[in-house]
Amino acid sequence: MAFRAGLGQRPAMATIDISRSHALGLDVARQRAEQLANDLKERMGIQWRWEGDTIRFTADGGPAKGTTGSVAVATSQVRIEIDLPFLLKAMKGPITTKVEEKLGKLLG
C-alpha cells in the first residue's frame, strides 16, 4: 500500500547533516557561509536570510524546488542541514558530496 500524505502533512524528506570544525573565527566563517549561500542562490535559485548566526534558506522554484535548510555558524564549527524533497531523495549522496567539497574549500 502506498503512503499518501494527508492535508497538512509533509512527505518524508531526506536530511543531510554535515558539521565541520574550523579555525577561521566567527566573522570570517560568517563571510564564507554567505559566499556559500550566494553561490547556491545563483546556481540553484534558493532564497536565504540571516537569523542571528544562522542562514536559513528555501527553494521555491528551480532545480532545488522544495529544498529547505540552514547553515549555522559558530566560532569553531559550521553545521549545514538540508531537507531534500521527495523528488531529490535519490540525489542525496551526490548532493552531500558536493556540499562537503564546497564546505572544505570554503573553510580551508
N, C-alpha and C. Protein backbone atom coordinates (compact mmCIF):
# COMPACT_ATOMS: atom_id res chain seq x y z
N MET A 1 0.85 -1.17 0.00
CA MET A 1 0.00 0.00 0.00
C MET A 1 0.90 1.24 0.00
N ALA A 2 0.61 2.18 -0.86
CA ALA A 2 1.40 3.40 -0.97
C ALA A 2 0.99 4.40 0.11
N PHE A 3 1.95 5.12 0.62
CA PHE A 3 1.67 6.15 1.62
C PHE A 3 1.22 7.41 0.91
N ARG A 4 0.18 8.01 1.39
CA ARG A 4 -0.28 9.29 0.86
C ARG A 4 -0.30 10.30 1.99
N ALA A 5 0.32 11.42 1.75
CA ALA A 5 0.34 12.47 2.76
C ALA A 5 -1.05 13.10 2.85
N GLY A 6 -1.56 13.24 4.05
CA GLY A 6 -2.84 13.89 4.26
C GLY A 6 -2.67 15.39 4.26
N LEU A 7 -3.76 16.10 4.33
CA LEU A 7 -3.69 17.56 4.38
C LEU A 7 -2.86 18.00 5.56
N GLY A 8 -1.97 18.92 5.34
CA GLY A 8 -1.14 19.45 6.42
C GLY A 8 0.08 18.60 6.72
N GLN A 9 0.20 17.42 6.11
CA GLN A 9 1.36 16.57 6.34
C GLN A 9 2.35 16.76 5.21
N ARG A 10 3.63 16.76 5.57
CA ARG A 10 4.68 16.85 4.55
C ARG A 10 5.16 15.45 4.22
N PRO A 11 5.45 15.19 2.94
CA PRO A 11 6.02 13.90 2.59
C PRO A 11 7.39 13.74 3.24
N ALA A 12 7.84 12.50 3.38
CA ALA A 12 9.14 12.23 4.00
C ALA A 12 10.24 12.92 3.22
N MET A 13 11.18 13.54 3.95
CA MET A 13 12.28 14.25 3.32
C MET A 13 13.59 13.58 3.71
N ALA A 14 14.54 13.66 2.82
CA ALA A 14 15.88 13.15 3.09
C ALA A 14 16.69 14.29 3.69
N THR A 15 17.27 14.07 4.84
CA THR A 15 18.02 15.13 5.52
C THR A 15 19.52 14.90 5.39
N ILE A 16 20.21 15.96 5.03
CA ILE A 16 21.67 15.97 5.00
C ILE A 16 22.11 16.80 6.20
N ASP A 17 23.04 16.29 6.98
CA ASP A 17 23.52 16.97 8.19
C ASP A 17 25.04 16.86 8.22
N ILE A 18 25.73 17.98 8.01
CA ILE A 18 27.18 18.00 7.93
C ILE A 18 27.73 19.04 8.90
N SER A 19 28.69 18.64 9.72
CA SER A 19 29.36 19.57 10.63
C SER A 19 30.86 19.54 10.35
N ARG A 20 31.47 20.72 10.36
CA ARG A 20 32.91 20.83 10.16
C ARG A 20 33.49 21.83 11.15
N SER A 21 34.63 21.46 11.72
CA SER A 21 35.37 22.38 12.58
C SER A 21 36.18 23.33 11.70
N HIS A 22 36.49 24.49 12.26
CA HIS A 22 37.33 25.45 11.53
C HIS A 22 38.09 26.30 12.55
N ALA A 23 39.08 27.00 12.04
CA ALA A 23 39.88 27.90 12.88
C ALA A 23 39.84 29.32 12.32
N LEU A 24 38.74 29.68 11.66
CA LEU A 24 38.64 30.98 10.99
C LEU A 24 38.15 32.10 11.89
N GLY A 25 37.51 31.77 12.98
CA GLY A 25 36.85 32.77 13.79
C GLY A 25 35.44 33.02 13.25
N LEU A 26 34.60 33.62 14.06
CA LEU A 26 33.19 33.79 13.72
C LEU A 26 32.98 34.70 12.51
N ASP A 27 33.65 35.84 12.47
CA ASP A 27 33.42 36.80 11.38
C ASP A 27 33.78 36.23 10.02
N VAL A 28 34.94 35.61 9.92
CA VAL A 28 35.38 35.04 8.63
C VAL A 28 34.48 33.86 8.26
N ALA A 29 34.12 33.04 9.23
CA ALA A 29 33.24 31.90 8.95
C ALA A 29 31.88 32.38 8.45
N ARG A 30 31.37 33.48 9.02
CA ARG A 30 30.10 34.05 8.53
C ARG A 30 30.24 34.52 7.08
N GLN A 31 31.36 35.14 6.75
CA GLN A 31 31.59 35.59 5.37
C GLN A 31 31.62 34.40 4.41
N ARG A 32 32.26 33.33 4.82
CA ARG A 32 32.34 32.14 3.97
C ARG A 32 30.97 31.47 3.82
N ALA A 33 30.19 31.46 4.90
CA ALA A 33 28.83 30.90 4.82
C ALA A 33 27.98 31.72 3.86
N GLU A 34 28.17 33.02 3.88
CA GLU A 34 27.42 33.89 2.98
C GLU A 34 27.85 33.66 1.52
N GLN A 35 29.14 33.39 1.31
CA GLN A 35 29.61 33.04 -0.04
C GLN A 35 28.90 31.77 -0.52
N LEU A 36 28.80 30.78 0.35
CA LEU A 36 28.11 29.53 0.01
C LEU A 36 26.65 29.82 -0.34
N ALA A 37 25.98 30.62 0.47
CA ALA A 37 24.57 30.94 0.23
C ALA A 37 24.39 31.68 -1.09
N ASN A 38 25.28 32.63 -1.39
CA ASN A 38 25.18 33.37 -2.65
C ASN A 38 25.44 32.45 -3.85
N ASP A 39 26.37 31.52 -3.70
CA ASP A 39 26.63 30.55 -4.76
C ASP A 39 25.39 29.69 -5.02
N LEU A 40 24.76 29.23 -3.95
CA LEU A 40 23.54 28.43 -4.09
C LEU A 40 22.40 29.24 -4.69
N LYS A 41 22.36 30.51 -4.35
CA LYS A 41 21.33 31.39 -4.92
C LYS A 41 21.49 31.49 -6.44
N GLU A 42 22.72 31.70 -6.88
CA GLU A 42 23.00 31.83 -8.31
C GLU A 42 22.77 30.52 -9.06
N ARG A 43 23.24 29.42 -8.49
CA ARG A 43 23.18 28.13 -9.20
C ARG A 43 21.85 27.40 -9.05
N MET A 44 21.21 27.54 -7.89
CA MET A 44 20.03 26.71 -7.61
C MET A 44 18.75 27.51 -7.35
N GLY A 45 18.86 28.82 -7.30
CA GLY A 45 17.66 29.64 -7.12
C GLY A 45 17.11 29.68 -5.71
N ILE A 46 17.96 29.42 -4.70
CA ILE A 46 17.48 29.48 -3.32
C ILE A 46 17.34 30.93 -2.87
N GLN A 47 16.51 31.14 -1.89
CA GLN A 47 16.40 32.42 -1.19
C GLN A 47 16.95 32.20 0.22
N TRP A 48 17.69 33.17 0.76
CA TRP A 48 18.26 32.99 2.09
C TRP A 48 18.21 34.27 2.88
N ARG A 49 18.35 34.10 4.21
CA ARG A 49 18.38 35.24 5.12
C ARG A 49 19.15 34.83 6.38
N TRP A 50 19.75 35.81 7.02
CA TRP A 50 20.42 35.58 8.30
C TRP A 50 19.39 35.63 9.42
N GLU A 51 19.51 34.73 10.38
CA GLU A 51 18.79 34.77 11.65
C GLU A 51 19.85 34.56 12.72
N GLY A 52 20.36 35.65 13.27
CA GLY A 52 21.48 35.55 14.21
C GLY A 52 22.70 35.07 13.46
N ASP A 53 23.30 33.97 13.91
CA ASP A 53 24.47 33.40 13.25
C ASP A 53 24.09 32.20 12.38
N THR A 54 22.85 32.14 11.94
CA THR A 54 22.37 31.04 11.11
C THR A 54 21.74 31.58 9.84
N ILE A 55 22.13 31.01 8.72
CA ILE A 55 21.48 31.30 7.44
C ILE A 55 20.36 30.29 7.27
N ARG A 56 19.16 30.77 7.00
CA ARG A 56 18.01 29.92 6.68
C ARG A 56 17.76 30.06 5.19
N PHE A 57 17.54 28.93 4.51
CA PHE A 57 17.29 29.01 3.07
C PHE A 57 16.15 28.11 2.63
N THR A 58 15.53 28.52 1.53
CA THR A 58 14.45 27.76 0.91
C THR A 58 14.59 27.91 -0.61
N ALA A 59 14.05 26.93 -1.30
CA ALA A 59 13.99 26.99 -2.76
C ALA A 59 12.54 26.82 -3.17
N ASP A 60 11.94 27.92 -3.62
CA ASP A 60 10.54 27.88 -4.02
C ASP A 60 10.38 27.49 -5.49
N GLY A 61 11.48 27.44 -6.22
CA GLY A 61 11.44 27.08 -7.63
C GLY A 61 12.82 26.62 -8.06
N GLY A 62 12.99 26.39 -9.35
CA GLY A 62 14.28 25.98 -9.88
C GLY A 62 14.58 24.52 -9.60
N PRO A 63 15.82 24.11 -9.87
CA PRO A 63 16.17 22.69 -9.74
C PRO A 63 16.11 22.16 -8.31
N ALA A 64 16.18 23.03 -7.32
CA ALA A 64 16.16 22.60 -5.92
C ALA A 64 14.78 22.82 -5.28
N LYS A 65 13.75 23.01 -6.08
CA LYS A 65 12.41 23.33 -5.57
C LYS A 65 12.00 22.42 -4.42
N GLY A 66 11.55 23.05 -3.33
CA GLY A 66 11.10 22.31 -2.15
C GLY A 66 12.18 22.07 -1.12
N THR A 67 13.42 22.41 -1.44
CA THR A 67 14.53 22.21 -0.51
C THR A 67 14.53 23.32 0.54
N THR A 68 14.80 22.95 1.78
CA THR A 68 14.95 23.92 2.87
C THR A 68 16.20 23.54 3.66
N GLY A 69 16.69 24.49 4.45
CA GLY A 69 17.84 24.15 5.27
C GLY A 69 18.42 25.33 6.00
N SER A 70 19.58 25.07 6.62
CA SER A 70 20.24 26.10 7.39
C SER A 70 21.75 25.87 7.39
N VAL A 71 22.47 26.97 7.61
CA VAL A 71 23.92 26.94 7.82
C VAL A 71 24.16 27.68 9.12
N ALA A 72 24.47 26.94 10.18
CA ALA A 72 24.71 27.52 11.49
C ALA A 72 26.21 27.73 11.66
N VAL A 73 26.59 28.97 11.98
CA VAL A 73 28.00 29.33 12.09
C VAL A 73 28.32 29.61 13.56
N ALA A 74 29.35 28.95 14.05
CA ALA A 74 29.85 29.18 15.41
C ALA A 74 31.33 29.53 15.32
N THR A 75 31.91 29.90 16.44
CA THR A 75 33.30 30.34 16.48
C THR A 75 34.26 29.30 15.91
N SER A 76 33.99 28.02 16.14
CA SER A 76 34.91 26.99 15.66
C SER A 76 34.24 25.86 14.89
N GLN A 77 32.98 26.05 14.48
CA GLN A 77 32.27 24.98 13.76
C GLN A 77 31.18 25.57 12.86
N VAL A 78 30.94 24.88 11.74
CA VAL A 78 29.84 25.20 10.84
C VAL A 78 29.02 23.93 10.68
N ARG A 79 27.69 24.07 10.78
CA ARG A 79 26.81 22.93 10.59
C ARG A 79 25.79 23.26 9.51
N ILE A 80 25.71 22.37 8.52
CA ILE A 80 24.76 22.54 7.43
C ILE A 80 23.72 21.43 7.53
N GLU A 81 22.46 21.84 7.52
CA GLU A 81 21.35 20.89 7.50
C GLU A 81 20.51 21.21 6.27
N ILE A 82 20.23 20.20 5.46
CA ILE A 82 19.45 20.37 4.25
C ILE A 82 18.35 19.32 4.23
N ASP A 83 17.12 19.76 4.05
CA ASP A 83 15.99 18.85 3.87
C ASP A 83 15.65 18.82 2.40
N LEU A 84 15.82 17.65 1.79
CA LEU A 84 15.53 17.47 0.38
C LEU A 84 14.10 16.95 0.21
N PRO A 85 13.37 17.49 -0.76
CA PRO A 85 12.03 16.98 -1.01
C PRO A 85 12.10 15.58 -1.63
N PHE A 86 10.98 14.93 -1.66
CA PHE A 86 10.89 13.55 -2.15
C PHE A 86 11.58 13.36 -3.50
N LEU A 87 11.34 14.27 -4.43
CA LEU A 87 11.89 14.11 -5.78
C LEU A 87 13.42 14.18 -5.83
N LEU A 88 14.04 14.76 -4.82
CA LEU A 88 15.51 14.85 -4.80
C LEU A 88 16.16 13.82 -3.87
N LYS A 89 15.36 12.96 -3.22
CA LYS A 89 15.91 11.98 -2.29
C LYS A 89 16.96 11.09 -2.94
N ALA A 90 16.73 10.71 -4.19
CA ALA A 90 17.67 9.84 -4.88
C ALA A 90 19.03 10.51 -5.10
N MET A 91 19.06 11.83 -5.03
CA MET A 91 20.29 12.59 -5.25
C MET A 91 21.01 12.93 -3.95
N LYS A 92 20.57 12.37 -2.83
CA LYS A 92 21.15 12.72 -1.53
C LYS A 92 22.66 12.48 -1.49
N GLY A 93 23.13 11.36 -1.98
CA GLY A 93 24.56 11.05 -1.97
C GLY A 93 25.39 12.06 -2.74
N PRO A 94 25.07 12.28 -4.02
CA PRO A 94 25.84 13.26 -4.79
C PRO A 94 25.74 14.68 -4.24
N ILE A 95 24.58 15.06 -3.73
CA ILE A 95 24.42 16.39 -3.15
C ILE A 95 25.28 16.53 -1.90
N THR A 96 25.28 15.50 -1.06
CA THR A 96 26.11 15.51 0.16
C THR A 96 27.58 15.67 -0.21
N THR A 97 28.03 14.92 -1.20
CA THR A 97 29.43 15.00 -1.64
C THR A 97 29.78 16.41 -2.11
N LYS A 98 28.91 17.02 -2.92
CA LYS A 98 29.16 18.37 -3.42
C LYS A 98 29.22 19.39 -2.28
N VAL A 99 28.29 19.28 -1.33
CA VAL A 99 28.27 20.21 -0.20
C VAL A 99 29.54 20.04 0.64
N GLU A 100 29.95 18.80 0.89
CA GLU A 100 31.17 18.56 1.66
C GLU A 100 32.40 19.14 0.95
N GLU A 101 32.47 18.98 -0.38
CA GLU A 101 33.59 19.54 -1.15
C GLU A 101 33.61 21.06 -1.05
N LYS A 102 32.46 21.68 -1.27
CA LYS A 102 32.38 23.13 -1.22
C LYS A 102 32.71 23.66 0.18
N LEU A 103 32.20 23.00 1.19
CA LEU A 103 32.47 23.41 2.57
C LEU A 103 33.96 23.28 2.89
N GLY A 104 34.58 22.19 2.43
CA GLY A 104 36.01 22.00 2.63
C GLY A 104 36.83 23.11 2.01
N LYS A 105 36.45 23.55 0.79
CA LYS A 105 37.16 24.63 0.11
C LYS A 105 36.96 25.97 0.84
N LEU A 106 35.75 26.22 1.30
CA LEU A 106 35.46 27.49 1.97
C LEU A 106 36.12 27.60 3.33
N LEU A 107 36.19 26.49 4.06
CA LEU A 107 36.76 26.54 5.41
C LEU A 107 38.24 26.27 5.45
N GLY A 108 38.80 25.87 4.30
CA GLY A 108 40.25 25.65 4.21
C GLY A 108 40.63 24.40 4.79
